[in-house]
């Protein structure tokens, strides 16, 4: 797979092109289709996951956890524990300023 390579020797040796030396040409001539440019590899493995998709996945996971807690008995215990912990944090903060 040689994507974006020059088709002829004249195109390959055209002045102003980067990487146009004799050793590169002979290597490509010898190996043929087994050589792939590093730019092609980088393009294949580039991260294509957008920030919006990640955010949507996180929101979906939070909604699923909240829904599971609402329909289970463990949800009540968790809400009570969170409320108690929050009140403890507020008392701690009040203690710093009094």
Protein backbone atom coordinates (compact mmCIF):
# COMPACT_ATOMS: atom_id res chain seq x y z
CA UNK A 1 0.00 0.00 0.00
CA UNK A 2 1.77 3.11 -1.18
CA UNK A 3 -0.58 6.03 -0.81
CA UNK A 4 0.52 9.37 -2.19
CA UNK A 5 3.75 8.17 -3.77
CA UNK A 6 5.06 9.52 -7.01
CA UNK A 7 4.16 7.48 -10.06
CA UNK A 8 7.35 7.92 -12.03
CA UNK A 9 11.03 8.55 -11.52
CA UNK A 10 10.68 12.06 -12.96
CA UNK A 11 8.00 12.95 -10.41
CA UNK A 12 10.04 11.41 -7.62
CA UNK A 13 13.23 13.29 -8.49
CA UNK A 14 11.45 16.61 -9.06
CA UNK A 15 13.35 19.37 -7.27
CA UNK A 16 11.70 20.95 -4.26
CA UNK A 17 10.16 17.70 -2.99
CA UNK A 18 11.20 16.53 0.46
CA UNK A 19 12.72 13.08 0.78
CA UNK A 20 13.69 12.84 -2.89
CA UNK A 21 17.10 11.22 -2.70
CA UNK A 22 18.54 8.14 -4.38
CA UNK A 23 18.46 5.87 -1.32
CA UNK A 24 14.78 6.56 -0.76
CA UNK A 25 14.00 5.83 -4.39
CA UNK A 26 15.97 2.57 -4.37
CA UNK A 27 14.32 1.46 -1.14
CA UNK A 28 10.87 2.09 -2.56
CA UNK A 29 11.86 0.36 -5.79
CA UNK A 30 13.08 -2.70 -3.89
CA UNK A 31 10.22 -2.97 -1.37
CA UNK A 32 7.43 -1.79 -3.60
CA UNK A 33 3.99 -1.98 -2.03
CA UNK A 34 5.21 -2.98 1.42
CA UNK A 35 6.37 0.56 2.28
CA UNK A 36 3.88 2.95 3.86
CA UNK A 37 4.69 6.59 4.66
CA UNK A 38 4.68 7.65 8.29
CA UNK A 39 2.12 10.37 7.50
CA UNK A 40 -0.30 7.67 6.36
CA UNK A 41 0.23 5.68 9.58
CA UNK A 42 -0.29 8.81 11.69
CA UNK A 43 -3.51 9.50 9.82
CA UNK A 44 -4.78 5.99 10.49
CA UNK A 45 -4.14 6.11 14.22
CA UNK A 46 -5.23 9.69 14.86
CA UNK A 47 -7.79 10.04 17.63
CA UNK A 48 -11.17 10.73 16.07
CA UNK A 49 -13.24 10.88 19.27
CA UNK A 50 -14.67 14.33 19.81
CA UNK A 51 -15.11 16.07 23.15
CA UNK A 52 -18.88 16.12 22.64
CA UNK A 53 -19.00 12.34 22.23
CA UNK A 54 -17.04 11.81 25.44
CA UNK A 55 -19.27 14.26 27.30
CA UNK A 56 -22.40 12.54 25.98
CA UNK A 57 -21.09 9.16 27.14
CA UNK A 58 -20.38 10.52 30.64
CA UNK A 59 -23.86 12.06 30.87
CA UNK A 60 -25.44 8.79 29.73
CA UNK A 61 -23.50 6.86 32.39
CA UNK A 62 -24.55 9.29 35.12
CA UNK A 63 -28.21 9.08 34.02
CA UNK A 64 -28.02 5.27 34.09
CA UNK A 65 -26.54 5.23 37.61
CA UNK A 66 -29.12 7.71 38.90
CA UNK A 67 -31.96 5.71 37.35
CA UNK A 68 -30.63 2.49 38.92
CA UNK A 69 -30.39 4.15 42.32
CA UNK A 70 -33.92 5.56 42.08
CA UNK A 71 -35.50 2.15 41.47
CA UNK A 72 -33.44 0.22 44.03
CA UNK A 73 -33.49 0.14 47.84
CA UNK A 74 -29.79 1.01 47.92
CA UNK A 75 -30.63 4.42 46.46
CA UNK A 76 -32.34 5.57 49.67
CA UNK A 77 -29.35 4.52 51.78
CA UNK A 78 -26.95 6.25 49.40
CA UNK A 79 -28.96 9.48 49.44
CA UNK A 80 -29.04 9.42 53.25
CA UNK A 81 -25.27 8.82 53.38
CA UNK A 82 -24.59 11.63 50.89
CA UNK A 83 -26.80 14.03 52.86
CA UNK A 84 -25.06 13.13 56.12
CA UNK A 85 -21.62 13.54 54.50
CA UNK A 86 -22.60 16.90 53.02
CA UNK A 87 -23.79 18.14 56.42
CA UNK A 88 -20.49 16.98 57.94
CA UNK A 89 -18.54 18.93 55.32
CA UNK A 90 -20.61 22.06 55.99
CA UNK A 91 -20.01 21.72 59.75
CA UNK A 92 -16.27 21.37 59.10
CA UNK A 93 -16.25 24.53 56.96
CA UNK A 94 -18.24 26.45 59.60
CA UNK A 95 -15.67 25.36 62.20
CA UNK A 96 -12.88 26.97 60.19
CA UNK A 97 -14.57 30.39 60.09
CA UNK A 98 -15.99 30.58 63.63
